[in-house]
Amino acid sequence: MKKREGFRHLTEHDRDRLQALYVWGHSQKEIAEVLNVSPGTISRELNRYGKKTWRYSAVRAEEDARTKREESKRPGMKIEANPEMKEYIIRALKRLRSPDEIAGRMKKEGVVPRVGKNAIYDWLYSEYGQPYCRYLCTKRTRSKSPRRLGKKVLIPDRIPLRSRPDALGLVHAESDLFVTPTRLHVKDCGLLVVVPEAHLLTGAIIPNKTSEIVVSAMQHITDTLPLDTCAFDNGIENVHHKEFGVDAYFCDKASPWQKPHVESSIGLIRRWFLPKGTDLSQVSNETFQSQLHLLNHKYRKSNGYRSAYEVALERGIIERVPRVSLTKAIAFR
């Protein structure tokens, strides 16, 4: 990739030379070479005043540039310059409304003028809005440093979920992770795989969500269940999906609704056994398997008041292995 050239603003001296060279009929490329700037810089400078008179005034251009710099918007100025809008936002923040809620409500109510959530965050993190950051749920007073976000990794050979075959006889599954709260500084998490056809649950408590551990857990599951395809999200833990032992298909970005069965099943586990905030390092894999075993034996209305085991056996999903081995095949502790 070609490295982007450095950028600099035109000075008053540059504009004087530009006017002189332009009047004498030099091309934009020639002027750019003399001033040591990009030809696009010269083109934008000349086009800013149109070509009706074919005249460029360095004095006028310099005055306009100074005015523009003086009136340039600093972070938060749009809100700070409008007392009514500022009071509206402060009032909503004191009611523990998030910037996203405030911006969405302003749009719904037709408030004019209005701002988006990013503008509200810019104002809060500026010197004007700092006193009101205490009303945010995070209490954060500045934006998160990009260094903390980690390096973005793209999943190789990613196939979108909409390309998944839908032929009869194929056993589809959905997979996802649920984690321990970051405030506990624990890496243990849960891996859950659901077969929507029978609402059959399987998975494991794993020590962390590194790709190596996830590969090992998925291989145990695919050795136990005859899966043809599995839907995943775009997490970095799925970067080695070719080693899972099942054809992997990926949801669109920020689209958890494309794998609803595993999302609702995680909610079911949360409601029955492992509520949010649970330290998963204190949950043994044997305990988790017994919880899945209990849920797989529950009579579901969606299965005609039959259990997931009954439907899976009837449809040949688990006929190759005894039911007990399904919940005891994976052990990391």
C-alpha atoms as a PDB file:
ATOM      1  CA  MET A   1       0.000   0.000   0.000  1.00  0.00           C
ATOM      2  CA  LYS A   2       1.303   3.432  -0.935  1.00  0.00           C
ATOM      3  CA  LYS A   3       2.231   5.474   2.111  1.00  0.00           C
ATOM      4  CA  ARG A   4       0.131   8.585   2.533  1.00  0.00           C
ATOM      5  CA  GLU A   5       2.078  11.807   2.102  1.00  0.00           C
ATOM      6  CA  GLY A   6       2.283  14.308   4.937  1.00  0.00           C
ATOM      7  CA  PHE A   7      -0.326  17.038   5.040  1.00  0.00           C
ATOM      8  CA  ARG A   8       0.131  20.734   5.820  1.00  0.00           C
ATOM      9  CA  HIS A   9      -2.041  23.849   5.588  1.00  0.00           C
ATOM     10  CA  LEU A  10      -1.272  26.550   3.064  1.00  0.00           C
ATOM     11  CA  THR A  11       0.334  29.633   4.588  1.00  0.00           C
ATOM     12  CA  GLU A  12      -0.159  33.279   3.609  1.00  0.00           C
ATOM     13  CA  HIS A  13       3.111  33.147   1.665  1.00  0.00           C
ATOM     14  CA  ASP A  14       1.925  30.006  -0.177  1.00  0.00           C
ATOM     15  CA  ARG A  15      -1.300  31.714  -1.208  1.00  0.00           C
ATOM     16  CA  ASP A  16       0.576  34.756  -2.557  1.00  0.00           C
ATOM     17  CA  ARG A  17       2.770  32.503  -4.697  1.00  0.00           C
ATOM     18  CA  LEU A  18      -0.246  30.450  -5.774  1.00  0.00           C
ATOM     19  CA  GLN A  19      -2.042  33.585  -7.001  1.00  0.00           C
ATOM     20  CA  ALA A  20       0.997  34.813  -8.904  1.00  0.00           C
ATOM     21  CA  LEU A  21       1.646  31.464 -10.603  1.00  0.00           C
ATOM     22  CA  TYR A  22      -2.054  30.966 -11.391  1.00  0.00           C
ATOM     23  CA  VAL A  23      -2.368  34.415 -12.980  1.00  0.00           C
ATOM     24  CA  TRP A  24       0.593  33.647 -15.229  1.00  0.00           C
ATOM     25  CA  GLY A  25      -1.153  30.538 -16.517  1.00  0.00           C
ATOM     26  CA  HIS A  26       0.743  27.752 -14.756  1.00  0.00           C
ATOM     27  CA  SER A  27      -1.111  24.447 -14.321  1.00  0.00           C
ATOM     28  CA  GLN A  28      -2.222  23.152 -10.954  1.00  0.00           C
ATOM     29  CA  LYS A  29       0.377  20.372 -11.122  1.00  0.00           C
ATOM     30  CA  GLU A  30       3.156  22.866 -11.752  1.00  0.00           C
ATOM     31  CA  ILE A  31       1.991  25.085  -8.874  1.00  0.00           C
ATOM     32  CA  ALA A  32       1.855  22.056  -6.562  1.00  0.00           C
ATOM     33  CA  GLU A  33       5.451  21.154  -7.446  1.00  0.00           C
ATOM     34  CA  VAL A  34       6.637  24.687  -6.692  1.00  0.00           C
ATOM     35  CA  LEU A  35       4.816  24.838  -3.337  1.00  0.00           C
ATOM     36  CA  ASN A  36       5.732  21.210  -2.515  1.00  0.00           C
ATOM     37  CA  VAL A  37       2.128  20.174  -1.827  1.00  0.00           C
ATOM     38  CA  SER A  38      -0.312  17.726  -3.364  1.00  0.00           C
ATOM     39  CA  PRO A  39      -2.067  18.771  -6.602  1.00  0.00           C
ATOM     40  CA  GLY A  40      -5.318  18.022  -4.783  1.00  0.00           C
ATOM     41  CA  THR A  41      -4.522  20.769  -2.268  1.00  0.00           C
ATOM     42  CA  ILE A  42      -4.214  23.313  -5.070  1.00  0.00           C
ATOM     43  CA  SER A  43      -7.365  22.015  -6.762  1.00  0.00           C
ATOM     44  CA  ARG A  44      -9.443  22.316  -3.571  1.00  0.00           C
ATOM     45  CA  GLU A  45      -8.062  25.796  -2.837  1.00  0.00           C
ATOM     46  CA  LEU A  46      -9.018  27.102  -6.295  1.00  0.00           C
ATOM     47  CA  ASN A  47     -12.381  25.321  -6.474  1.00  0.00           C
ATOM     48  CA  ARG A  48     -13.382  26.831  -3.142  1.00  0.00           C
ATOM     49  CA  TYR A  49     -14.071  30.109  -4.970  1.00  0.00           C
ATOM     50  CA  GLY A  50     -15.539  28.788  -8.210  1.00  0.00           C
ATOM     51  CA  LYS A  51     -14.553  29.758 -11.734  1.00  0.00           C
ATOM     52  CA  LYS A  52     -17.099  32.443 -12.591  1.00  0.00           C
ATOM     53  CA  THR A  53     -14.547  35.248 -12.645  1.00  0.00           C
ATOM     54  CA  TRP A  54     -11.421  33.085 -13.040  1.00  0.00           C
ATOM     55  CA  ARG A  55      -9.798  35.170 -10.338  1.00  0.00           C
ATOM     56  CA  TYR A  56      -8.184  33.953  -7.141  1.00  0.00           C
ATOM     57  CA  SER A  57      -7.446  36.420  -4.347  1.00  0.00           C
ATOM     58  CA  ALA A  58      -4.739  35.384  -1.876  1.00  0.00           C
ATOM     59  CA  VAL A  59      -5.861  38.102   0.573  1.00  0.00           C
ATOM     60  CA  ARG A  60      -9.478  36.946   0.596  1.00  0.00           C
ATOM     61  CA  ALA A  61      -8.456  33.269   0.833  1.00  0.00           C
ATOM     62  CA  GLU A  62      -6.197  33.976   3.839  1.00  0.00           C
ATOM     63  CA  GLU A  63      -8.973  35.922   5.620  1.00  0.00           C
ATOM     64  CA  ASP A  64     -11.435  33.093   5.016  1.00  0.00           C
ATOM     65  CA  ALA A  65      -8.943  30.519   6.319  1.00  0.00           C
ATOM     66  CA  ARG A  66      -8.324  32.517   9.521  1.00  0.00           C
ATOM     67  CA  THR A  67     -12.057  32.954  10.115  1.00  0.00           C
ATOM     68  CA  LYS A  68     -12.662  29.257   9.579  1.00  0.00           C
ATOM     69  CA  ARG A  69      -9.946  28.313  12.070  1.00  0.00           C
ATOM     70  CA  GLU A  70     -11.290  30.738  14.669  1.00  0.00           C
ATOM     71  CA  GLU A  71     -14.843  29.432  14.302  1.00  0.00           C
ATOM     72  CA  SER A  72     -13.912  25.765  14.057  1.00  0.00           C
ATOM     73  CA  LYS A  73     -15.907  23.547  16.360  1.00  0.00           C
ATOM     74  CA  ARG A  74     -14.146  22.166  19.402  1.00  0.00           C
ATOM     75  CA  PRO A  75     -15.520  18.988  21.023  1.00  0.00           C
ATOM     76  CA  GLY A  76     -18.792  19.740  22.755  1.00  0.00           C
ATOM     77  CA  MET A  77     -19.276  23.213  21.273  1.00  0.00           C
ATOM     78  CA  LYS A  78     -22.573  22.363  19.565  1.00  0.00           C
ATOM     79  CA  ILE A  79     -24.148  21.488  22.916  1.00  0.00           C
ATOM     80  CA  GLU A  80     -22.360  24.201  24.899  1.00  0.00           C
ATOM     81  CA  ALA A  81     -23.527  26.883  22.447  1.00  0.00           C
ATOM     82  CA  ASN A  82     -27.189  25.882  22.888  1.00  0.00           C
ATOM     83  CA  PRO A  83     -28.333  26.417  26.526  1.00  0.00           C
ATOM     84  CA  GLU A  84     -31.742  24.764  25.996  1.00  0.00           C
ATOM     85  CA  MET A  85     -30.224  21.625  24.489  1.00  0.00           C
ATOM     86  CA  LYS A  86     -27.586  21.537  27.224  1.00  0.00           C
ATOM     87  CA  GLU A  87     -30.244  21.764  29.943  1.00  0.00           C
ATOM     88  CA  TYR A  88     -32.280  18.993  28.247  1.00  0.00           C
ATOM     89  CA  ILE A  89     -29.256  16.663  28.176  1.00  0.00           C
ATOM     90  CA  ILE A  90     -28.226  17.439  31.781  1.00  0.00           C
ATOM     91  CA  ARG A  91     -31.758  16.805  32.990  1.00  0.00           C
ATOM     92  CA  ALA A  92     -31.833  13.438  31.207  1.00  0.00           C
ATOM     93  CA  LEU A  93     -28.392  12.458  32.519  1.00  0.00           C
ATOM     94  CA  LYS A  94     -29.502  13.151  36.088  1.00  0.00           C
ATOM     95  CA  ARG A  95     -32.343  10.692  35.480  1.00  0.00           C
ATOM     96  CA  LEU A  96     -29.660   8.111  34.631  1.00  0.00           C
ATOM     97  CA  ARG A  97     -30.401   8.136  30.908  1.00  0.00           C
ATOM     98  CA  SER A  98     -27.516   7.011  28.704  1.00  0.00           C
ATOM     99  CA  PRO A  99     -26.327   9.198  25.789  1.00  0.00           C
ATOM    100  CA  ASP A 100     -27.823   6.638  23.395  1.00  0.00           C
ATOM    101  CA  GLU A 101     -31.205   6.936  25.129  1.00  0.00           C
ATOM    102  CA  ILE A 102     -31.047  10.730  25.096  1.00  0.00           C
ATOM    103  CA  ALA A 103     -30.141  10.964  21.406  1.00  0.00           C
ATOM    104  CA  GLY A 104     -32.785   8.395  20.426  1.00  0.00           C
ATOM    105  CA  ARG A 105     -35.470  10.155  22.446  1.00  0.00           C
ATOM    106  CA  MET A 106     -34.591  13.534  20.930  1.00  0.00           C
ATOM    107  CA  LYS A 107     -35.073  12.027  17.488  1.00  0.00           C
ATOM    108  CA  LYS A 108     -38.349  10.332  18.471  1.00  0.00           C
ATOM    109  CA  GLU A 109     -39.756  13.540  19.994  1.00  0.00           C
ATOM    110  CA  GLY A 110     -38.609  15.667  17.059  1.00  0.00           C
ATOM    111  CA  VAL A 111     -36.409  17.926  19.166  1.00  0.00           C
ATOM    112  CA  VAL A 112     -34.783  20.626  17.006  1.00  0.00           C
ATOM    113  CA  PRO A 113     -31.864  21.087  17.002  1.00  0.00           C
ATOM    114  CA  ARG A 114     -30.705  17.690  18.175  1.00  0.00           C
ATOM    115  CA  VAL A 115     -27.448  15.753  18.423  1.00  0.00           C
ATOM    116  CA  GLY A 116     -26.354  12.140  18.211  1.00  0.00           C
ATOM    117  CA  LYS A 117     -24.918  10.003  20.986  1.00  0.00           C
ATOM    118  CA  ASN A 118     -21.331  10.557  19.781  1.00  0.00           C
ATOM    119  CA  ALA A 119     -21.744  14.322  20.085  1.00  0.00           C
ATOM    120  CA  ILE A 120     -23.058  13.869  23.639  1.00  0.00           C
ATOM    121  CA  TYR A 121     -20.071  11.705  24.546  1.00  0.00           C
ATOM    122  CA  ASP A 122     -17.723  14.303  23.001  1.00  0.00           C
ATOM    123  CA  TRP A 123     -19.331  16.976  25.160  1.00  0.00           C
ATOM    124  CA  LEU A 124     -19.149  14.834  28.295  1.00  0.00           C
ATOM    125  CA  TYR A 125     -15.472  14.074  27.756  1.00  0.00           C
ATOM    126  CA  SER A 126     -14.675  17.741  27.037  1.00  0.00           C
ATOM    127  CA  GLU A 127     -13.918  20.352  29.702  1.00  0.00           C
ATOM    128  CA  TYR A 128     -17.560  21.522  29.566  1.00  0.00           C
ATOM    129  CA  GLY A 129     -19.233  18.179  30.346  1.00  0.00           C
ATOM    130  CA  GLN A 130     -16.751  16.645  32.802  1.00  0.00           C
ATOM    131  CA  PRO A 131     -18.914  17.401  35.909  1.00  0.00           C
ATOM    132  CA  TYR A 132     -21.762  15.329  34.455  1.00  0.00           C
ATOM    133  CA  CYS A 133     -19.744  12.158  33.695  1.00  0.00           C
ATOM    134  CA  ARG A 134     -20.634  10.907  37.169  1.00  0.00           C
ATOM    135  CA  TYR A 135     -24.144  10.221  35.897  1.00  0.00           C
ATOM    136  CA  LEU A 136     -22.854   7.662  33.356  1.00  0.00           C
ATOM    137  CA  CYS A 137     -23.061   4.008  34.340  1.00  0.00           C
ATOM    138  CA  THR A 138     -19.298   3.632  33.738  1.00  0.00           C
ATOM    139  CA  LYS A 139     -18.384   6.942  35.460  1.00  0.00           C
ATOM    140  CA  ARG A 140     -15.709   7.232  32.757  1.00  0.00           C
ATOM    141  CA  THR A 141     -14.422  10.783  32.176  1.00  0.00           C
ATOM    142  CA  ARG A 142     -12.579  10.172  28.928  1.00  0.00           C
ATOM    143  CA  SER A 143     -12.864   7.936  25.892  1.00  0.00           C
ATOM    144  CA  LYS A 144     -11.252   4.514  26.009  1.00  0.00           C
ATOM    145  CA  SER A 145      -7.715   4.448  24.687  1.00  0.00           C
ATOM    146  CA  PRO A 146      -7.436   2.597  21.341  1.00  0.00           C
ATOM    147  CA  ARG A 147      -4.469   0.664  22.755  1.00  0.00           C
ATOM    148  CA  ARG A 148      -6.816  -1.106  25.173  1.00  0.00           C
ATOM    149  CA  LEU A 149      -9.080  -2.320  22.392  1.00  0.00           C
ATOM    150  CA  GLY A 150      -6.542  -4.822  21.108  1.00  0.00           C
ATOM    151  CA  LYS A 151      -5.511  -5.668  17.586  1.00  0.00           C
ATOM    152  CA  LYS A 152      -8.337  -6.433  15.200  1.00  0.00           C
ATOM    153  CA  VAL A 153      -8.075  -9.943  13.753  1.00  0.00           C
ATOM    154  CA  LEU A 154     -10.041 -11.010  10.697  1.00  0.00           C
ATOM    155  CA  ILE A 155     -11.374 -14.562  10.521  1.00  0.00           C
ATOM    156  CA  PRO A 156      -9.908 -16.273   7.432  1.00  0.00           C
ATOM    157  CA  ASP A 157     -12.162 -18.005   4.898  1.00  0.00           C
ATOM    158  CA  ARG A 158     -15.260 -16.681   6.622  1.00  0.00           C
ATOM    159  CA  ILE A 159     -18.516 -17.937   5.026  1.00  0.00           C
ATOM    160  CA  PRO A 160     -21.674 -15.904   5.823  1.00  0.00           C
ATOM    161  CA  LEU A 161     -24.596 -17.680   7.461  1.00  0.00           C
ATOM    162  CA  ARG A 162     -26.905 -16.873   4.548  1.00  0.00           C
ATOM    163  CA  SER A 163     -24.764 -19.222   2.378  1.00  0.00           C
ATOM    164  CA  ARG A 164     -25.424 -22.225   4.620  1.00  0.00           C
ATOM    165  CA  PRO A 165     -27.092 -25.118   2.719  1.00  0.00           C
ATOM    166  CA  ASP A 166     -30.633 -25.953   3.718  1.00  0.00           C
ATOM    167  CA  ALA A 167     -30.960 -29.479   2.389  1.00  0.00           C
ATOM    168  CA  LEU A 168     -33.090 -32.066   4.181  1.00  0.00           C
ATOM    169  CA  GLY A 169     -31.259 -34.348   6.568  1.00  0.00           C
ATOM    170  CA  LEU A 170     -28.554 -31.874   7.550  1.00  0.00           C
ATOM    171  CA  VAL A 171     -28.033 -31.319  11.277  1.00  0.00           C
ATOM    172  CA  HIS A 172     -27.486 -27.622  11.976  1.00  0.00           C
ATOM    173  CA  ALA A 173     -26.198 -26.169  15.242  1.00  0.00           C
ATOM    174  CA  GLU A 174     -25.473 -22.811  16.850  1.00  0.00           C
ATOM    175  CA  SER A 175     -22.586 -21.992  19.179  1.00  0.00           C
ATOM    176  CA  ASP A 176     -21.649 -19.156  21.506  1.00  0.00           C
ATOM    177  CA  LEU A 177     -19.694 -18.306  24.661  1.00  0.00           C
ATOM    178  CA  PHE A 178     -20.896 -16.820  27.942  1.00  0.00           C
ATOM    179  CA  VAL A 179     -18.298 -15.322  30.243  1.00  0.00           C
ATOM    180  CA  THR A 180     -17.503 -14.322  33.806  1.00  0.00           C
ATOM    181  CA  PRO A 181     -17.812 -10.556  34.508  1.00  0.00           C
ATOM    182  CA  THR A 182     -14.565  -8.728  33.792  1.00  0.00           C
ATOM    183  CA  ARG A 183     -14.626  -7.113  37.251  1.00  0.00           C
ATOM    184  CA  LEU A 184     -13.825 -10.528  38.760  1.00  0.00           C
ATOM    185  CA  HIS A 185     -10.666 -10.824  36.607  1.00  0.00           C
ATOM    186  CA  VAL A 186     -11.437 -14.467  35.826  1.00  0.00           C
ATOM    187  CA  LYS A 187     -10.935 -15.974  32.366  1.00  0.00           C
ATOM    188  CA  ASP A 188     -13.169 -19.032  32.765  1.00  0.00           C
ATOM    189  CA  CYS A 189     -16.159 -19.100  30.438  1.00  0.00           C
ATOM    190  CA  GLY A 190     -18.820 -21.424  29.143  1.00  0.00           C
ATOM    191  CA  LEU A 191     -19.138 -22.839  25.633  1.00  0.00           C
ATOM    192  CA  LEU A 192     -22.629 -23.822  24.547  1.00  0.00           C
ATOM    193  CA  VAL A 193     -23.720 -25.608  21.372  1.00  0.00           C
ATOM    194  CA  VAL A 194     -27.419 -26.007  20.560  1.00  0.00           C
ATOM    195  CA  VAL A 195     -29.100 -28.208  17.945  1.00  0.00           C
ATOM    196  CA  PRO A 196     -32.279 -26.186  17.157  1.00  0.00           C
ATOM    197  CA  GLU A 197     -34.031 -29.158  15.552  1.00  0.00           C
ATOM    198  CA  ALA A 198     -34.395 -30.794  18.972  1.00  0.00           C
ATOM    199  CA  HIS A 199     -33.356 -27.954  21.323  1.00  0.00           C
ATOM    200  CA  LEU A 200     -30.518 -30.226  22.402  1.00  0.00           C
ATOM    201  CA  LEU A 201     -27.838 -28.553  24.548  1.00  0.00           C
ATOM    202  CA  THR A 202     -24.207 -29.534  24.948  1.00  0.00           C
ATOM    203  CA  GLY A 203     -21.060 -27.672  25.922  1.00  0.00           C
ATOM    204  CA  ALA A 204     -18.383 -27.223  28.554  1.00  0.00           C
ATOM    205  CA  ILE A 205     -16.860 -24.877  31.090  1.00  0.00           C
ATOM    206  CA  ILE A 206     -13.459 -23.971  29.654  1.00  0.00           C
ATOM    207  CA  PRO A 207     -10.511 -22.211  31.369  1.00  0.00           C
ATOM    208  CA  ASN A 208     -10.332 -19.375  28.824  1.00  0.00           C
ATOM    209  CA  LYS A 209     -11.544 -18.437  25.366  1.00  0.00           C
ATOM    210  CA  THR A 210      -8.283 -18.732  23.480  1.00  0.00           C
ATOM    211  CA  SER A 211      -8.617 -20.277  20.058  1.00  0.00           C
ATOM    212  CA  GLU A 212      -6.670 -23.397  21.090  1.00  0.00           C
ATOM    213  CA  ILE A 213      -9.026 -24.199  23.979  1.00  0.00           C
ATOM    214  CA  VAL A 214     -12.127 -23.520  21.864  1.00  0.00           C
ATOM    215  CA  VAL A 215     -10.813 -25.790  19.095  1.00  0.00           C
ATOM    216  CA  SER A 216     -10.267 -28.618  21.601  1.00  0.00           C
ATOM    217  CA  ALA A 217     -13.763 -28.177  23.093  1.00  0.00           C
ATOM    218  CA  MET A 218     -15.457 -28.052  19.686  1.00  0.00           C
ATOM    219  CA  GLN A 219     -13.605 -31.171  18.550  1.00  0.00           C
ATOM    220  CA  HIS A 220     -14.934 -33.055  21.604  1.00  0.00           C
ATOM    221  CA  ILE A 221     -18.466 -31.920  20.777  1.00  0.00           C
ATOM    222  CA  THR A 222     -18.278 -32.766  17.067  1.00  0.00           C
ATOM    223  CA  ASP A 223     -16.870 -36.208  17.944  1.00  0.00           C
ATOM    224  CA  THR A 224     -19.998 -36.762  20.058  1.00  0.00           C
ATOM    225  CA  LEU A 225     -22.686 -35.197  17.871  1.00  0.00           C
ATOM    226  CA  PRO A 226     -23.079 -35.765  14.109  1.00  0.00           C
ATOM    227  CA  LEU A 227     -23.230 -32.071  13.189  1.00  0.00           C
ATOM    228  CA  ASP A 228     -23.113 -30.920   9.575  1.00  0.00           C
ATOM    229  CA  THR A 229     -22.962 -27.146  10.083  1.00  0.00           C
ATOM    230  CA  CYS A 230     -22.641 -24.712  12.979  1.00  0.00           C
ATOM    231  CA  ALA A 231     -23.314 -20.985  13.218  1.00  0.00           C
ATOM    232  CA  PHE A 232     -20.775 -18.774  15.029  1.00  0.00           C
ATOM    233  CA  ASP A 233     -20.288 -15.104  15.776  1.00  0.00           C
ATOM    234  CA  ASN A 234     -17.211 -13.155  14.685  1.00  0.00           C
ATOM    235  CA  GLY A 235     -15.180 -13.487  17.890  1.00  0.00           C
ATOM    236  CA  ILE A 236     -11.440 -14.014  17.682  1.00  0.00           C
ATOM    237  CA  GLU A 237     -11.842 -17.357  19.474  1.00  0.00           C
ATOM    238  CA  ASN A 238     -13.258 -18.780  16.217  1.00  0.00           C
ATOM    239  CA  VAL A 239     -10.233 -17.881  14.102  1.00  0.00           C
ATOM    240  CA  HIS A 240      -9.271 -21.585  13.709  1.00  0.00           C
ATOM    241  CA  HIS A 241     -12.761 -22.712  12.735  1.00  0.00           C
ATOM    242  CA  LYS A 242     -11.416 -25.093  10.100  1.00  0.00           C
ATOM    243  CA  GLU A 243     -10.187 -27.340  12.909  1.00  0.00           C
ATOM    244  CA  PHE A 244     -13.597 -27.586  14.628  1.00  0.00           C
ATOM    245  CA  GLY A 245     -14.614 -30.703  12.729  1.00  0.00           C
ATOM    246  CA  VAL A 246     -17.798 -29.079  11.384  1.00  0.00           C
ATOM    247  CA  ASP A 247     -18.578 -26.664   8.558  1.00  0.00           C
ATOM    248  CA  ALA A 248     -18.579 -23.182  10.111  1.00  0.00           C
ATOM    249  CA  TYR A 249     -20.840 -20.344   9.002  1.00  0.00           C
ATOM    250  CA  PHE A 250     -20.727 -16.847  10.498  1.00  0.00           C
ATOM    251  CA  CYS A 251     -23.394 -14.334  11.451  1.00  0.00           C
ATOM    252  CA  ASP A 252     -23.259 -10.771  10.221  1.00  0.00           C
ATOM    253  CA  LYS A 253     -21.547  -8.248  12.450  1.00  0.00           C
ATOM    254  CA  ALA A 254     -23.604  -7.296  15.536  1.00  0.00           C
ATOM    255  CA  SER A 255     -26.421  -9.684  14.552  1.00  0.00           C
ATOM    256  CA  PRO A 256     -26.940 -12.132  17.458  1.00  0.00           C
ATOM    257  CA  TRP A 257     -30.552 -12.556  16.343  1.00  0.00           C
ATOM    258  CA  GLN A 258     -29.232 -14.749  13.507  1.00  0.00           C
ATOM    259  CA  LYS A 259     -28.540 -17.516  16.051  1.00  0.00           C
ATOM    260  CA  PRO A 260     -31.529 -17.121  18.370  1.00  0.00           C
ATOM    261  CA  HIS A 261     -31.589 -20.652  19.796  1.00  0.00           C
ATOM    262  CA  VAL A 262     -28.175 -20.480  21.454  1.00  0.00           C
ATOM    263  CA  GLU A 263     -28.847 -16.945  22.715  1.00  0.00           C
ATOM    264  CA  SER A 264     -32.137 -17.999  24.331  1.00  0.00           C
ATOM    265  CA  SER A 265     -30.520 -21.164  25.707  1.00  0.00           C
ATOM    266  CA  ILE A 266     -27.807 -19.128  27.405  1.00  0.00           C
ATOM    267  CA  GLY A 267     -30.598 -17.067  28.930  1.00  0.00           C
ATOM    268  CA  LEU A 268     -32.239 -20.305  30.115  1.00  0.00           C
ATOM    269  CA  ILE A 269     -29.017 -21.431  31.798  1.00  0.00           C
ATOM    270  CA  ARG A 270     -28.667 -17.997  33.384  1.00  0.00           C
ATOM    271  CA  ARG A 271     -32.203 -18.109  34.795  1.00  0.00           C
ATOM    272  CA  TRP A 272     -32.000 -21.654  36.150  1.00  0.00           C
ATOM    273  CA  PHE A 273     -28.429 -22.137  37.330  1.00  0.00           C
ATOM    274  CA  LEU A 274     -25.788 -19.510  36.500  1.00  0.00           C
ATOM    275  CA  PRO A 275     -27.148 -15.949  36.862  1.00  0.00           C
ATOM    276  CA  LYS A 276     -25.163 -13.024  35.512  1.00  0.00           C
ATOM    277  CA  GLY A 277     -22.282 -12.223  37.822  1.00  0.00           C
ATOM    278  CA  THR A 278     -21.482 -15.882  38.543  1.00  0.00           C
ATOM    279  CA  ASP A 279     -17.791 -16.682  38.866  1.00  0.00           C
ATOM    280  CA  LEU A 280     -17.477 -19.566  36.399  1.00  0.00           C
ATOM    281  CA  SER A 281     -14.116 -20.586  37.859  1.00  0.00           C
ATOM    282  CA  GLN A 282     -16.127 -21.868  40.837  1.00  0.00           C
ATOM    283  CA  VAL A 283     -18.340 -24.033  38.598  1.00  0.00           C
ATOM    284  CA  SER A 284     -16.902 -27.436  37.776  1.00  0.00           C
ATOM    285  CA  ASN A 285     -17.434 -28.929  34.341  1.00  0.00           C
ATOM    286  CA  GLU A 286     -19.193 -31.910  35.960  1.00  0.00           C
ATOM    287  CA  THR A 287     -21.700 -29.553  37.574  1.00  0.00           C
ATOM    288  CA  PHE A 288     -22.295 -27.800  34.258  1.00  0.00           C
ATOM    289  CA  GLN A 289     -22.840 -31.130  32.475  1.00  0.00           C
ATOM    290  CA  SER A 290     -25.427 -32.137  35.059  1.00  0.00           C
ATOM    291  CA  GLN A 291     -27.215 -28.822  34.515  1.00  0.00           C
ATOM    292  CA  LEU A 292     -27.319 -29.412  30.763  1.00  0.00           C
ATOM    293  CA  HIS A 293     -28.515 -32.965  31.371  1.00  0.00           C
ATOM    294  CA  LEU A 294     -31.420 -31.642  33.452  1.00  0.00           C
ATOM    295  CA  LEU A 295     -32.393 -29.070  30.815  1.00  0.00           C
ATOM    296  CA  ASN A 296     -32.237 -31.705  28.065  1.00  0.00           C
ATOM    297  CA  HIS A 297     -34.716 -33.811  30.059  1.00  0.00           C
ATOM    298  CA  LYS A 298     -37.242 -30.982  30.472  1.00  0.00           C
ATOM    299  CA  TYR A 299     -40.494 -31.341  28.519  1.00  0.00           C
ATOM    300  CA  ARG A 300     -40.730 -28.474  26.051  1.00  0.00           C
ATOM    301  CA  LYS A 301     -43.872 -27.134  24.445  1.00  0.00           C
ATOM    302  CA  SER A 302     -41.909 -26.529  21.221  1.00  0.00           C
ATOM    303  CA  ASN A 303     -41.097 -30.255  21.160  1.00  0.00           C
ATOM    304  CA  GLY A 304     -44.708 -31.282  21.724  1.00  0.00           C
ATOM    305  CA  TYR A 305     -44.023 -31.679  25.469  1.00  0.00           C
ATOM    306  CA  ARG A 306     -41.207 -34.110  24.796  1.00  0.00           C
ATOM    307  CA  SER A 307     -37.638 -33.725  26.036  1.00  0.00           C
ATOM    308  CA  ALA A 308     -34.708 -32.772  23.835  1.00  0.00           C
ATOM    309  CA  TYR A 309     -33.263 -36.262  24.338  1.00  0.00           C
ATOM    310  CA  GLU A 310     -36.454 -37.903  23.122  1.00  0.00           C
ATOM    311  CA  VAL A 311     -36.619 -35.784  19.966  1.00  0.00           C
ATOM    312  CA  ALA A 312     -32.888 -36.194  19.271  1.00  0.00           C
ATOM    313  CA  LEU A 313     -33.119 -39.982  19.600  1.00  0.00           C
ATOM    314  CA  GLU A 314     -36.224 -40.106  17.403  1.00  0.00           C
ATOM    315  CA  ARG A 315     -34.513 -38.100  14.652  1.00  0.00           C
ATOM    316  CA  GLY A 316     -31.251 -40.013  14.894  1.00  0.00           C
ATOM    317  CA  ILE A 317     -29.149 -37.103  16.125  1.00  0.00           C
ATOM    318  CA  ILE A 318     -27.665 -38.994  19.090  1.00  0.00           C
ATOM    319  CA  GLU A 319     -28.297 -42.587  18.094  1.00  0.00           C
ATOM    320  CA  ARG A 320     -24.595 -43.235  17.654  1.00  0.00           C
ATOM    321  CA  VAL A 321     -23.744 -42.664  21.350  1.00  0.00           C
ATOM    322  CA  PRO A 322     -25.480 -43.335  24.675  1.00  0.00           C
ATOM    323  CA  ARG A 323     -27.260 -40.376  26.172  1.00  0.00           C
ATOM    324  CA  VAL A 324     -25.004 -40.329  29.229  1.00  0.00           C
ATOM    325  CA  SER A 325     -21.830 -39.885  27.182  1.00  0.00           C
ATOM    326  CA  LEU A 326     -23.248 -36.763  25.594  1.00  0.00           C
ATOM    327  CA  THR A 327     -22.920 -34.829  28.827  1.00  0.00           C
ATOM    328  CA  LYS A 328     -19.679 -36.421  30.027  1.00  0.00           C
ATOM    329  CA  ALA A 329     -17.577 -36.332  26.886  1.00  0.00           C
ATOM    330  CA  ILE A 330     -15.862 -33.033  27.690  1.00  0.00           C
ATOM    331  CA  ALA A 331     -13.674 -32.590  30.758  1.00  0.00           C
ATOM    332  CA  PHE A 332     -11.132 -29.818  31.191  1.00  0.00           C
ATOM    333  CA  ARG A 333     -10.698 -30.201  34.966  1.00  0.00           C
END
